[in-house]
Structures are given as structure tokens and as C-alpha cells.
Protein backbone atom coordinates (compact mmCIF):
# COMPACT_ATOMS: atom_id res chain seq x y z
CA MET A 1 108.87 108.92 48.42
CA ILE A 2 108.42 107.62 52.16
CA ARG A 3 107.94 110.42 54.17
CA LEU A 4 107.50 111.53 58.17
CA PRO A 5 106.16 115.16 58.71
CA TYR A 6 108.07 116.93 61.54
CA TRP A 7 105.81 117.69 64.08
CA GLN A 8 105.27 113.18 63.73
CA ARG A 9 108.68 112.96 64.22
CA VAL A 10 108.80 114.76 67.05
CA ALA A 11 105.64 113.65 69.17
CA VAL A 12 107.11 110.21 68.41
CA LEU A 13 109.76 110.87 70.05
CA LEU A 14 108.71 113.01 72.97
CA LEU A 15 106.29 109.75 73.37
CA CYS A 16 108.95 107.57 73.15
CA ALA A 17 111.08 110.11 76.07
CA ALA A 18 108.08 110.14 78.36
CA GLY A 19 107.78 106.78 78.23
CA ILE A 20 111.21 106.05 78.76
CA GLY A 21 111.72 108.48 81.83
CA LEU A 22 109.05 107.30 83.70
CA ALA A 23 110.22 103.77 83.45
CA MET A 24 113.58 104.54 84.69
CA PRO A 25 112.84 104.96 88.57
CA ASN A 26 112.60 101.18 88.30
CA LEU A 27 115.69 100.62 87.53
CA PHE A 28 116.53 101.98 90.91
CA TYR A 29 113.76 100.38 92.80
CA THR A 30 115.09 100.21 96.15
CA ARG A 31 116.12 103.52 95.89
CA VAL A 32 113.32 105.18 94.74
CA GLU A 33 111.07 103.61 97.13
CA GLN A 34 112.72 104.83 100.24
CA SER A 35 112.96 108.31 99.27
CA ASN A 36 108.86 108.41 98.48
CA ASP A 37 108.58 106.70 101.94
CA ALA A 38 110.86 109.40 103.69
CA MET A 39 108.92 112.13 101.96
CA ALA A 40 105.76 110.53 102.94
CA ILE A 41 106.47 110.17 106.34
CA LEU A 42 107.85 114.50 106.19
CA ASP A 43 104.90 115.15 104.62
CA ARG A 44 102.84 113.65 107.69
CA GLY A 45 104.45 116.37 109.26
CA SER A 46 107.14 114.25 111.44
CA GLN A 47 110.20 115.90 112.34
CA PRO A 48 113.14 115.18 109.94
CA THR A 49 115.86 112.94 111.19
CA PRO A 50 119.43 112.23 109.21
CA GLU A 51 118.52 109.26 108.33
CA LEU A 52 114.74 110.55 106.73
CA THR A 53 116.76 113.08 104.88
CA THR A 54 119.49 110.77 103.42
CA GLN A 55 117.02 108.74 102.05
CA LEU A 56 114.99 111.76 100.60
CA ALA A 57 117.91 112.82 99.30
CA GLY A 58 118.48 109.18 97.41
CA TRP A 59 116.32 110.27 94.41
CA PRO A 60 116.61 113.66 92.46
CA GLY A 61 112.97 115.64 93.14
CA TRP A 62 112.87 116.59 89.92
CA LEU A 63 113.05 113.37 88.00
CA PRO A 64 110.22 110.95 88.16
CA ARG A 65 109.80 109.50 91.06
CA ARG A 66 106.78 107.10 89.90
CA LEU A 67 107.12 103.10 90.50
CA VAL A 68 105.68 100.34 89.49
CA ASN A 69 103.77 98.62 92.57
CA LEU A 70 104.68 95.11 93.18
CA GLY A 71 101.71 92.71 93.98
CA LEU A 72 101.25 90.30 96.90
CA ASP A 73 103.45 87.44 95.06
CA LEU A 74 106.08 89.43 93.93
CA ARG A 75 106.45 91.05 97.70
CA GLY A 76 105.60 88.98 100.40
CA GLY A 77 102.98 89.51 102.35
CA ALA A 78 99.48 88.48 104.02
CA HIS A 79 96.16 87.19 101.95
CA LEU A 80 92.86 87.05 103.35
CA LEU A 81 89.28 86.80 102.33
CA ALA A 82 86.64 88.16 104.77
CA GLU A 83 82.70 87.17 105.34
CA VAL A 84 80.98 90.62 107.07
CA GLN A 85 78.11 89.44 108.97
CA LEU A 86 75.44 91.92 107.24
CA ALA A 87 72.75 90.44 110.02
CA ASP A 88 74.44 91.57 112.96
CA VAL A 89 73.53 95.38 111.45
CA HIS A 90 70.21 94.39 110.85
CA ALA A 91 70.08 93.25 114.60
CA SER A 92 71.36 96.93 115.94
CA ARG A 93 69.15 98.57 113.81
CA MET A 94 66.60 97.19 115.98
CA ASP A 95 67.77 97.13 119.41
CA ALA A 96 68.73 100.77 118.40
CA LEU A 97 64.78 101.91 117.04
CA TRP A 98 63.30 100.45 120.14
CA PRO A 99 63.89 103.58 122.47
CA GLU A 100 62.75 106.07 119.99
CA VAL A 101 59.61 103.24 119.28
CA ARG A 102 59.44 103.68 123.03
CA ASP A 103 58.81 107.63 123.14
CA THR A 104 56.54 107.67 120.28
CA LEU A 105 53.99 105.21 121.74
CA GLY A 106 54.93 106.80 125.52
CA GLU A 107 53.27 110.09 123.98
CA ILE A 108 49.77 108.09 123.23
CA ARG A 109 49.89 105.98 126.30
CA ALA A 110 46.33 107.40 127.30
CA GLU A 111 45.10 105.08 124.28
CA THR A 112 47.62 102.43 124.54
CA GLY A 113 47.92 101.43 128.00
CA GLY A 114 50.81 100.47 127.76
CA VAL A 115 53.45 98.71 125.26
CA ARG A 116 56.33 96.28 125.70
CA ARG A 117 58.92 94.75 123.91
CA GLN A 118 58.60 91.31 123.12
CA GLN A 119 61.01 88.39 122.06
CA SER A 120 61.61 88.54 118.07
CA ALA A 121 64.17 87.56 115.00
CA ALA A 122 67.01 89.64 115.29
CA ASP A 123 66.17 91.53 111.92
CA GLU A 124 62.51 92.69 113.61
CA LEU A 125 61.34 94.64 116.94
CA ARG A 126 57.58 92.97 117.91
CA VAL A 127 56.09 95.84 120.25
CA ARG A 128 52.73 94.44 122.41
CA ILE A 129 49.70 97.13 122.82
CA ALA A 130 48.18 96.84 125.89
CA ASN A 131 45.00 98.13 124.75
CA PRO A 132 44.29 96.59 121.00
CA GLU A 133 42.10 98.65 120.14
CA ALA A 134 44.31 101.43 119.76
CA ILE A 135 46.30 99.01 117.58
CA ASP A 136 45.68 101.30 114.54
CA GLN A 137 46.76 104.44 115.95
CA ALA A 138 49.79 103.20 117.28
CA LEU A 139 50.54 101.74 113.55
CA LYS A 140 50.31 105.46 112.45
CA ALA A 141 52.90 106.65 115.52
CA VAL A 142 55.40 104.42 114.77
CA GLU A 143 55.11 104.67 110.91
CA GLN A 144 55.82 108.11 111.46
CA LEU A 145 59.41 107.07 112.16
CA ALA A 146 59.83 105.90 108.87
CA ARG A 147 62.06 107.94 106.79
CA PRO A 148 62.33 108.38 102.47
CA ILE A 149 65.49 105.80 101.55
CA VAL A 150 68.37 107.91 99.60
CA SER A 151 69.97 105.67 97.31
CA LEU A 152 69.49 104.48 93.61
CA GLY A 153 68.03 101.62 94.15
CA GLY A 154 65.44 102.63 96.79
CA LEU A 155 64.55 106.13 96.24
CA GLY A 156 60.83 106.77 96.63
CA SER A 157 61.33 104.12 99.43
CA SER A 158 60.74 104.15 102.35
CA ASP A 159 63.08 102.61 105.57
CA LEU A 160 60.93 100.88 107.69
CA GLU A 161 57.70 98.55 107.26
CA VAL A 162 55.46 98.16 110.26
CA ILE A 163 52.59 95.48 110.30
CA VAL A 164 50.01 94.24 112.97
CA GLU A 165 49.93 91.15 113.42
CA GLY A 166 46.89 90.53 116.76
CA SER A 167 47.69 92.80 119.33
CA GLU A 168 51.41 93.38 117.87
CA LEU A 169 53.36 95.71 115.85
CA VAL A 170 56.04 93.96 113.64
CA ILE A 171 58.52 96.46 112.45
CA ARG A 172 61.06 95.39 110.03
CA LEU A 173 63.40 97.10 107.85
CA THR A 174 62.27 97.16 103.77
CA GLU A 175 64.13 95.28 100.91
CA GLU A 176 65.15 98.29 99.74
CA GLU A 177 66.71 99.50 102.85
CA GLN A 178 67.95 96.15 104.09
CA ALA A 179 69.70 96.43 100.47
CA ALA A 180 71.04 100.46 101.22
CA THR A 181 72.01 98.81 104.71
CA ASP A 182 73.97 96.17 103.45
CA ASN A 183 75.83 98.55 100.77
CA ARG A 184 76.33 101.26 103.37
CA THR A 185 77.96 98.15 105.77
CA MET A 186 80.29 97.42 103.22
CA MET A 187 82.02 100.71 102.01
CA GLN A 188 82.21 101.61 105.58
CA SER A 189 83.83 98.12 106.01
CA LEU A 190 86.11 98.60 103.04
CA GLU A 191 86.89 102.13 104.66
CA ILE A 192 87.69 101.17 108.04
CA ILE A 193 90.12 98.20 107.08
CA ARG A 194 91.44 100.55 104.06
CA ARG A 195 92.51 103.61 107.15
CA ARG A 196 93.65 100.65 109.48
CA VAL A 197 95.94 99.17 106.53
CA ASP A 198 97.67 102.80 105.20
CA GLU A 199 97.94 104.08 108.94
CA VAL A 200 101.00 101.37 109.31
CA GLY A 201 102.70 102.61 106.13
CA THR A 202 102.16 99.52 103.73
CA ARG A 203 102.70 99.69 100.22
CA GLU A 204 99.32 99.94 97.61
CA PRO A 205 97.37 97.38 99.80
CA SER A 206 94.75 95.55 97.63
CA ILE A 207 91.19 95.54 99.30
CA GLN A 208 88.48 95.05 97.44
CA ARG A 209 84.58 94.14 97.62
CA GLN A 210 83.86 90.39 96.67
CA GLY A 211 79.87 89.29 95.82
CA ALA A 212 77.45 90.50 98.12
CA ASP A 213 79.23 90.28 101.54
CA ARG A 214 82.61 89.37 101.26
CA ILE A 215 85.75 91.39 101.16
CA ILE A 216 89.52 90.63 99.73
CA ILE A 217 92.48 92.21 101.39
CA GLN A 218 96.07 91.61 100.43
CA VAL A 219 98.89 93.74 101.66
CA PRO A 220 102.22 93.49 100.48
CA GLY A 221 104.75 93.90 102.90
CA ILE A 222 103.16 92.64 106.31
CA GLY A 223 104.75 89.67 108.01
CA SER A 224 101.77 87.12 108.67
CA ALA A 225 97.69 86.78 108.00
CA ALA A 226 97.61 86.71 111.52
CA GLU A 227 99.39 90.13 111.90
CA LEU A 228 97.04 91.73 109.43
CA LYS A 229 93.95 90.37 111.39
CA GLU A 230 95.27 91.84 114.56
CA LEU A 231 95.40 95.25 112.69
CA ILE A 232 92.44 95.07 110.61
CA GLY A 233 90.40 94.58 114.12
CA THR A 234 92.17 97.50 115.69
CA THR A 235 89.15 100.53 115.27
CA ALA A 236 89.45 104.12 114.73
CA LYS A 237 88.60 106.30 117.45
CA LEU A 238 85.45 108.54 116.62
CA THR A 239 84.65 111.35 119.22
CA PHE A 240 82.40 114.80 119.10
CA HIS A 241 84.26 117.71 120.57
CA HIS A 242 82.81 121.11 121.72
CA VAL A 243 84.86 123.87 119.37
CA GLN A 244 86.68 126.81 121.42
CA ARG A 245 88.40 128.09 118.39
CA THR A 246 89.88 127.95 115.15
CA ALA A 247 93.44 128.38 114.57
CA SER A 248 96.23 128.48 111.58
CA SER A 249 98.70 126.46 113.62
CA ARG A 250 98.92 123.68 116.01
CA GLY A 251 100.03 126.27 118.77
CA LEU A 252 101.28 125.38 122.48
CA GLN A 253 99.11 122.70 123.38
CA GLN A 254 97.03 123.16 127.08
CA PRO A 255 95.94 120.47 129.22
CA GLN A 256 92.16 120.91 128.80
CA THR A 257 92.49 121.05 125.24
CA VAL A 258 93.36 119.15 121.99
CA THR A 259 94.40 121.04 118.24
CA TYR A 260 93.58 118.61 115.34
CA PRO A 261 93.75 119.70 111.91
CA ALA A 262 90.73 119.64 109.33
CA MET A 263 90.53 116.68 107.33
CA ASP A 264 89.44 118.64 103.97
CA GLU A 265 90.90 122.19 104.41
CA PRO A 266 94.93 122.35 104.65
CA GLY A 267 96.46 124.77 107.41
CA LEU A 268 92.94 124.98 109.26
CA PHE A 269 92.69 123.82 112.81
CA TYR A 270 90.54 123.26 115.78
CA VAL A 271 91.30 123.56 119.29
CA LEU A 272 89.16 121.90 121.05
CA ASP A 273 87.84 120.36 124.48
CA ARG A 274 89.96 117.76 125.76
CA THR A 275 87.19 115.72 127.09
CA PRO A 276 84.84 114.64 124.10
CA VAL A 277 81.10 114.84 124.38
CA VAL A 278 80.14 111.57 123.24
CA THR A 279 82.15 108.82 121.78
CA GLY A 280 81.92 106.52 118.36
CA GLU A 281 81.12 103.91 120.67
CA GLU A 282 77.99 105.22 121.34
CA LEU A 283 76.64 105.93 117.20
CA THR A 284 74.65 103.72 116.15
CA ASP A 285 74.03 104.85 112.51
CA ALA A 286 74.53 107.36 110.01
CA ARG A 287 73.84 107.64 107.03
CA PRO A 288 73.22 110.25 103.57
CA ASP A 289 69.80 112.40 103.89
CA PHE A 290 67.85 115.75 102.78
CA ASP A 291 67.57 118.68 104.82
CA GLU A 292 64.15 120.04 105.45
CA ASN A 293 64.80 122.22 101.78
CA GLY A 294 65.85 119.57 100.41
CA ARG A 295 69.74 119.78 100.64
CA PRO A 296 72.05 117.25 100.85
CA ALA A 297 72.99 115.94 104.41
CA VAL A 298 74.18 113.20 106.80
CA SER A 299 71.28 111.70 109.45
CA PHE A 300 72.69 109.93 112.97
CA ARG A 301 71.36 108.09 115.65
CA PHE A 302 73.37 107.28 119.00
CA ASN A 303 72.12 105.29 121.44
CA PRO A 304 70.48 105.93 124.67
CA SER A 305 73.58 107.01 126.96
CA GLY A 306 75.04 108.72 124.06
CA ALA A 307 71.45 110.17 123.22
CA ARG A 308 71.06 111.59 126.59
CA SER A 309 75.16 113.45 126.70
CA PHE A 310 74.14 114.72 123.13
CA GLY A 311 70.67 116.01 124.19
CA ASP A 312 72.37 117.73 126.94
CA TYR A 313 74.77 119.55 125.07
CA THR A 314 73.00 121.07 122.20
CA ALA A 315 70.62 122.18 124.29
CA ALA A 316 73.11 124.55 126.16
CA ASN A 317 75.12 125.11 122.93
CA VAL A 318 72.73 126.20 120.39
CA GLY A 319 74.34 128.35 117.51
CA LEU A 320 77.92 127.40 118.45
CA PRO A 321 80.00 124.45 116.60
CA PHE A 322 81.01 121.20 117.36
CA ALA A 323 83.64 119.32 115.80
CA ILE A 324 83.20 115.25 114.38
CA VAL A 325 87.25 114.35 114.78
CA LEU A 326 88.12 110.57 113.19
CA ASP A 327 91.62 109.53 114.01
CA SER A 328 92.92 112.78 115.37
CA GLU A 329 91.28 114.87 112.52
CA VAL A 330 88.29 117.21 112.55
CA ILE A 331 86.22 115.71 109.53
CA SER A 332 83.11 117.81 109.74
CA ALA A 333 82.40 121.32 112.34
CA PRO A 334 78.77 121.13 111.90
CA VAL A 335 77.19 124.45 113.64
CA ILE A 336 73.83 123.29 116.43
CA GLN A 337 71.07 124.72 114.95
CA SER A 338 68.31 123.49 117.64
CA HIS A 339 68.43 121.29 120.37
CA ILE A 340 68.68 117.72 119.15
CA PRO A 341 66.70 115.35 121.91
CA GLY A 342 66.18 111.77 120.98
CA GLY A 343 69.84 110.72 120.32
CA SER A 344 69.16 111.28 116.44
CA GLY A 345 70.09 114.82 114.70
CA ILE A 346 71.33 115.75 111.32
CA ILE A 347 74.71 117.30 109.80
CA THR A 348 73.43 119.98 107.00
CA GLY A 349 76.01 121.62 104.88
CA SER A 350 77.00 122.44 101.30
CA PHE A 351 77.53 118.69 100.71
CA THR A 352 76.64 117.19 97.10
CA VAL A 353 75.17 113.85 97.28
CA GLN A 354 78.38 112.04 96.88
CA GLU A 355 79.87 114.10 99.73
CA SER A 356 76.79 113.12 101.64
CA ASN A 357 77.53 109.50 101.36
CA ASN A 358 81.12 109.80 101.92
CA LEU A 359 80.56 111.60 105.13
CA ALA A 360 78.13 108.98 106.41
CA VAL A 361 80.65 106.36 105.57
CA LEU A 362 83.78 108.40 107.56
CA LEU A 363 81.03 109.19 110.21
CA ARG A 364 80.52 105.05 110.87
CA ALA A 365 84.62 104.54 110.32
CA GLY A 366 84.85 104.68 113.82
CA ALA A 367 84.77 100.52 114.56
CA LEU A 368 83.86 97.88 112.57
CA PRO A 369 80.00 97.94 112.15
CA ALA A 370 79.69 93.87 112.25
CA GLY A 371 81.73 90.70 112.61
CA MET A 372 84.02 89.24 110.22
CA VAL A 373 85.02 85.88 109.54
CA PHE A 374 88.20 85.23 108.16
CA LEU A 375 87.52 82.39 105.47
CA GLU A 376 90.61 82.21 104.02
CA GLU A 377 93.85 83.30 105.04
CA ARG A 378 97.50 82.97 103.38
CA THR A 379 101.32 83.89 104.10
CA VAL A 380 103.23 84.62 101.29
CA GLY A 381 106.82 84.63 102.71
CA PRO A 382 109.17 87.74 101.00
CA GLU A 383 111.93 84.60 99.91
CA LEU A 384 109.01 83.36 98.04
CA GLY A 385 108.08 86.15 96.56
CA GLN A 386 111.78 86.95 95.64
CA ASP A 387 111.99 83.63 93.65
CA SER A 388 108.94 84.94 91.49
CA ILE A 389 110.98 87.92 90.29
CA ASP A 390 113.81 85.73 89.65
CA ALA A 391 111.71 83.59 87.72
CA GLY A 392 109.82 86.33 85.41
CA ARG A 393 113.21 87.90 85.10
CA TRP A 394 114.15 85.24 82.96
CA ALA A 395 111.79 84.38 81.60
CA CYS A 396 111.37 88.01 80.30
CA ALA A 397 115.20 88.32 79.26
CA VAL A 398 115.17 84.21 77.42
CA ALA A 399 111.93 85.48 75.71
CA LEU A 400 113.06 88.90 74.58
CA LEU A 401 116.69 87.33 73.77
CA ALA A 402 115.62 84.44 71.43
CA VAL A 403 112.94 87.45 69.87
CA LEU A 404 115.97 89.65 68.84
CA LEU A 405 117.98 87.17 67.56
CA PHE A 406 115.19 85.84 65.57
CA MET A 407 114.58 89.33 64.34
CA ALA A 408 118.17 90.14 63.16
CA GLY A 409 118.62 87.22 61.84
CA SER A 410 115.77 87.10 59.20
CA TYR A 411 115.38 90.94 58.63
CA GLY A 412 118.92 92.32 58.85
CA LEU A 413 119.09 96.47 59.32
CA PHE A 414 115.89 96.29 59.38
CA GLY A 415 115.33 93.62 62.24
CA VAL A 416 117.64 95.71 64.29
CA PHE A 417 115.45 98.65 63.74
CA SER A 418 112.85 95.91 65.61
CA ASN A 419 114.85 95.33 67.88
CA ILE A 420 114.83 98.70 69.47
CA ALA A 421 111.56 99.64 68.79
CA LEU A 422 111.13 96.34 71.36
CA LEU A 423 113.50 97.46 74.29
CA VAL A 424 111.52 100.64 73.81
CA ASN A 425 108.00 99.34 73.62
CA LEU A 426 109.34 97.37 77.25
CA PHE A 427 110.37 101.02 78.72
CA MET A 428 106.75 102.16 77.40
CA ILE A 429 105.06 99.37 79.28
CA PHE A 430 106.86 100.11 82.45
CA GLY A 431 106.57 103.51 82.19
CA VAL A 432 102.56 103.55 81.54
CA LEU A 433 102.38 100.64 84.49
CA SER A 434 104.13 103.21 86.54
CA LEU A 435 102.03 106.40 85.48
CA VAL A 436 98.47 104.84 86.20
CA GLY A 437 99.80 103.31 89.49
CA ALA A 438 98.98 99.54 88.43
CA THR A 439 99.76 96.68 90.50
CA LEU A 440 102.25 94.06 88.76
CA THR A 441 102.04 90.50 89.93
CA LEU A 442 103.26 87.26 88.07
CA PRO A 443 100.41 86.98 85.70
CA GLY A 444 101.09 90.39 84.63
CA ILE A 445 105.00 89.00 84.01
CA ALA A 446 103.11 86.80 81.91
CA GLY A 447 101.51 89.33 80.10
CA ILE A 448 104.98 91.04 79.67
CA VAL A 449 106.27 87.75 78.20
CA LEU A 450 103.44 87.22 75.84
CA THR A 451 103.63 91.01 74.94
CA ILE A 452 107.34 90.44 73.91
CA GLY A 453 106.66 87.82 71.30
CA MET A 454 103.74 89.66 70.39
CA ALA A 455 104.97 92.92 70.09
CA VAL A 456 106.88 92.16 66.46
CA ASP A 457 104.14 90.49 64.80
CA ALA A 458 103.52 93.90 63.55
CA ASN A 459 106.93 94.21 62.00
CA VAL A 460 106.97 90.67 60.72
CA LEU A 461 103.64 91.90 59.09
CA ILE A 462 105.38 95.17 57.22
CA PHE A 463 108.52 93.47 56.98
CA GLU A 464 107.15 90.51 54.53
CA ARG A 465 104.63 92.92 52.49
CA ILE A 466 108.06 95.29 51.57
CA ARG A 467 109.85 91.61 50.48
CA GLU A 468 106.89 90.93 48.44
CA GLU A 469 106.87 94.53 47.02
CA VAL A 470 110.24 94.04 46.26
CA ARG A 471 110.04 91.30 44.41
CA THR A 472 107.34 92.56 41.87
CA ALA A 473 110.67 95.04 40.84
CA ARG A 474 109.45 97.83 42.49
CA GLY A 475 111.63 100.84 44.19
CA PRO A 476 113.22 101.11 47.75
CA ALA A 477 110.87 103.96 48.41
CA ARG A 478 107.64 102.73 46.91
CA ALA A 479 108.46 99.12 48.26
CA ILE A 480 108.80 100.51 52.08
CA GLU A 481 105.68 102.55 51.62
CA LEU A 482 103.15 99.85 49.72
CA GLY A 483 104.35 97.64 53.02
CA TYR A 484 103.17 99.71 55.44
CA GLU A 485 99.81 100.69 53.76
CA ARG A 486 99.06 96.97 52.75
CA ALA A 487 99.80 95.57 55.87
CA LEU A 488 98.03 98.27 58.48
CA SER A 489 94.74 96.55 58.26
CA ALA A 490 96.36 93.20 59.17
CA ILE A 491 97.98 94.69 62.36
CA LEU A 492 94.80 96.18 63.35
CA ASP A 493 92.53 93.29 63.26
CA ALA A 494 95.55 90.93 65.22
CA ASN A 495 96.06 93.48 68.31
CA VAL A 496 92.14 95.33 68.30
CA THR A 497 90.68 91.57 68.60
CA THR A 498 93.70 91.21 71.12
CA LEU A 499 93.01 94.26 72.68
CA LEU A 500 89.16 93.20 73.35
CA ALA A 501 90.07 89.76 74.97
CA ALA A 502 91.94 91.74 77.17
CA ILE A 503 89.34 94.55 78.18
CA ILE A 504 87.04 91.29 78.56
CA LEU A 505 89.42 89.50 81.02
CA PHE A 506 89.50 92.67 82.78
CA VAL A 507 85.64 93.38 83.30
CA ILE A 508 84.75 90.00 84.18
CA GLY A 509 88.22 88.96 85.81
CA SER A 510 89.68 89.21 89.27
CA GLY A 511 92.92 89.46 90.92
CA PRO A 512 95.57 87.49 88.86
CA VAL A 513 93.25 87.49 85.36
CA ARG A 514 92.71 90.81 86.10
CA GLY A 515 96.58 91.33 86.62
CA PHE A 516 96.95 89.74 83.72
CA ALA A 517 94.55 91.36 81.44
CA VAL A 518 96.37 94.76 82.42
CA THR A 519 99.85 94.37 81.06
CA LEU A 520 98.39 92.82 78.19
CA GLY A 521 96.24 95.05 77.08
CA ILE A 522 98.68 97.89 77.44
CA GLY A 523 101.65 95.86 75.73
CA ILE A 524 99.00 95.85 73.17
CA VAL A 525 98.49 99.21 72.63
CA THR A 526 102.42 100.46 73.21
CA SER A 527 103.59 97.97 70.58
CA MET A 528 101.05 98.87 68.07
CA PHE A 529 102.85 102.35 68.57
CA THR A 530 106.16 101.25 68.38
CA ALA A 531 105.99 99.01 65.41
CA ILE A 532 104.21 101.25 63.06
CA PHE A 533 105.65 104.69 64.39
CA VAL A 534 109.06 104.11 65.98
CA THR A 535 110.15 101.61 63.49
CA ARG A 536 109.06 103.74 60.55
CA LEU A 537 110.98 107.08 61.76
CA MET A 538 114.31 105.27 61.93
CA ILE A 539 113.70 103.34 58.30
CA VAL A 540 112.66 106.66 57.14
CA VAL A 541 116.09 108.66 59.13
CA TRP A 542 117.86 105.80 57.23
CA PHE A 543 116.95 105.67 54.14
CA ASP A 544 117.14 109.71 54.03
CA ARG A 545 120.58 109.24 54.85
CA ARG A 546 121.64 106.57 52.49
CA ARG A 547 118.96 106.13 49.57
CA PRO A 548 119.70 102.75 48.93
CA LYS A 549 118.94 101.40 45.35
CA ARG A 550 118.07 98.46 46.58
CA LEU A 551 116.71 96.81 49.77
CA VAL A 552 117.94 93.51 50.82
CA LEU A 553 115.46 91.85 53.44
């Protein structure tokens, strides 16, 4: 006798209800999208207006409001492929290092007889020593400027390589430091671009690193590639301010002060001097480091003009906090422990290694660290995106109708059960896509169309096995039970191999290939669930009520 325990019936029904409930907002896409946008605007502290209030009320707050994000090819927008000029960063590091090298060698001027910077390649610093006999002493002094690298790939190595060529010192970044610097630069560029794009309220941009020095930027809903290039070129505003006090609200603005919220502490505000001590334009480097006690920290370096201003300020404000402000938010407010001359310092706190990495990226995110060359730019109009959506709808509708007619005509009532499970499967696919915040692209629609055809494979296997058992003169209950048992191994083999293929496509693929792999993988999992459990539940309920003497398939 076929049976399903009560808890299994409840679990199947709850999962189906959850999938349908999560997918439901996509049937009212525009209303939910407008409501979500209004909520986001109000959460950022904007004053409510009648228009925002009407949009917010367009979708009840107690209902799910997650949507499947539409990709560039469905919504329209701009696509850019940018190459980051990493060599510029190496040259900037060498230029910023020269004042520190000059001051260090100035302390042993009596022995060296003076130093002078020489012409050199962009990624190295050459310093001529007036007294060649003091070259070894100068070498040891400059080597003291090297710092350990804080990265998994360069752990235990130093950041500078100093060699002697005749009467000159040649200073370069080590290979490990170049790799770490390139990685930090790419992380910084990604962070800056993401912040710039998010600031204009675009929905679900795709900003991904490609290879060693390239970034793919896809922003749905933006007017053109030229507009996106202009947006990315806008630099964030990074400033360092004196802290007057903290507060629990913005309060009234004074002419001499500004009040900014803390980035990671909701409800905390800092009242700062309006005029910054130094700005991000004078910051040349910020990277993860360790303090004297071996705890994660962040070290930074200013250019010569910033170094003078910061040194004078820290000498006069030992023991007081200063605020690091990025885009009108205080990302950190460390206490000045001592006078910081030379333009370099360290920010300490209760950081983990990951947090120190993140803070270094944020500190450096005030401006693009290097130039970008746009290798490819493309604009997809909203009309073309709508055409893609319409074509995808037709493809899904035709495929769905063909499958429904085939199953109902081939297997009768059991085929109807399979069709109901197929419709539930489609809702569950969109429910999972909405839940995980996946982006649906045109190849993703192709994955859904393919899933519609594949979703009934399991039911076909089961129903054919039931037919075979019926022909052996077994009773209806036993035939159904054996049909499910003996088809299960074939169902698992077919679906698991296809799922593995989808996983491989997702891991090694990119862009459209990954979009196809996501919908295909999700569709395989949900179709197995609906084919094995949902159809079985309907058959069990039907059998308990009707108790047929024979099965007609």
C-alpha cells in the first residue's frame, strides 16, 4: 500500500507554498519594484513625499518583496570592459617613496656626502650617493624602510628590494609586493566603481573582475555607455577631520561644523570641523598591516604636502580622535597615539585581518588608483530588452503548452498531476531566483525553457515503470509503489549528471554561460522535488479517496 507520512505531506505542501509565495511578487513586477525603490529612498533618510508614500503603499509590507533581477539584455543598459593601468600604481608608489628615502639618507649625510634622485624606469627609484664608499651604509639605511607584506601570497616577504649598481641604489617593489599591490588596486577599483554606481540607485549592477587587470561593468537601466563612463570617472570624496564630539542625532548644523553618521554604527553621529585637515587627494597608499603587538591594523602614507599638514595636526592633538570620512560617512575615528611625522601612520583598533583589508580598501577608495582604458563599450536599449523579454515569454509559453498537452494526452489523469507539478516547479524556480537575488538573463530564460522540457522526464520514467508493473497483473497500489522505487535510480543518475554539468558551467564559465547554468541548476533541483514528491502526494491523495481497482495509463 502506498503511504506518505503526515509530516512529509506537510513538508511538501509548505515548500510548495513557500516557492509560490516567493515567486508571487514577480507577477506584479512594476508595483513591487516601485515600492522597493521608495523604501530604499526613505531608508537613506529622505523626507517622505506623497509620491513616495503612494509607491511604498503599492505593495503590502507583510508580503514577500524580493524580485528576480533582470539582466542587461532584458532591461537594457550599458556594458563596459575596462583595463586598469596597474603600472601607474607602481610608479606612484616609487614617487611617494622618494621623500622618505631622502629623509632617511639625510640622517647619515655626513657619511654619504649627499644624495640625488636619478632618471629611472617608472617602476623603480634610483638614488646616487655622492660618496661611493658609504654605499653599504646607505643600503642598510634604506633597507630599514622595507615592511613585511600582509597577504597570503607574500606572507613573510618584504615589500622593497634594494640593490647596488655602482654608486647608485636601485629600489623596486618585490614581485610579491607587486602582486599584492595589483590585487589591492583591483579591489579598490571594484569598490570605487560599485560605490559610484550604487550612488545613483541603479538596480543590481554586475561588476566583476576579469583576469589580472580587467573589470566588466554591466549596469541595467542606465541610459548609455557614455553616461556610465562619466559616472565611473566621478571620484569619491575622502577627507580627514578633527572630531569635536559624538551625538545620537544630526541636530542643528553649525556654520563651522558638519555632522556625519558612522558607517558601521547605526544611530551614532560625529560632529566634525567643517574644514578637513587633509583630503584623500593627498593620500598615496593605504594597506593592511600589523601594529607593534601583532594585531591587525591599517598603515597609510600621504604625499609631501599632506604629510606636513598631518604631521602638524597630530603633534598638536595627541590623545584626541580624528575622523576618516568617505562620501559623508565616518568609516573610522581612531585616536592619535603620538606625533606622526613623515606622512605615514597606522590605524589601530579591534580589527580582524579581513576588517583591516576592508578598511584599507575603503581608505583608498576616495579616487581611482590608476587610469582605466575602456576596451569595449556597448549600449542595450530598453526596447531591445523588452523584445528579449517578449521572445522569452513566447518560448516559455510554447514549450509549456506543448509539454502540458503531451503529458495529458499520454498519461491521462497522471499526466494532469504531472502538469500541476510542472507549474509548481516554475513557481519554485522563480521563488528560488528571487530568494537568492539571482539575475535573470536571456541565456537564463533558455535554461528555464530547457528545464520545462526536462522537468517531466522523471514523471515519464515513473509512469512507464508503473505501466510495466500493471502489465504484470500487480495491484494498483503495488504497481505505483514499485514504479516509484524502480525509477528512482534512473532519475537520480540522469539529473545528477546534468546538475554536475551545470555546476561546471557555473564554475568555469562567465557572463551568459553562468546565467544559463544558474537557472538550469535550480530547475533540476526543483523539478526533481516536484516530480518525486509533489506528483506522488497528489497520486497518494487521489488513491486514498478513489481506491481504484485498476489503473489506466
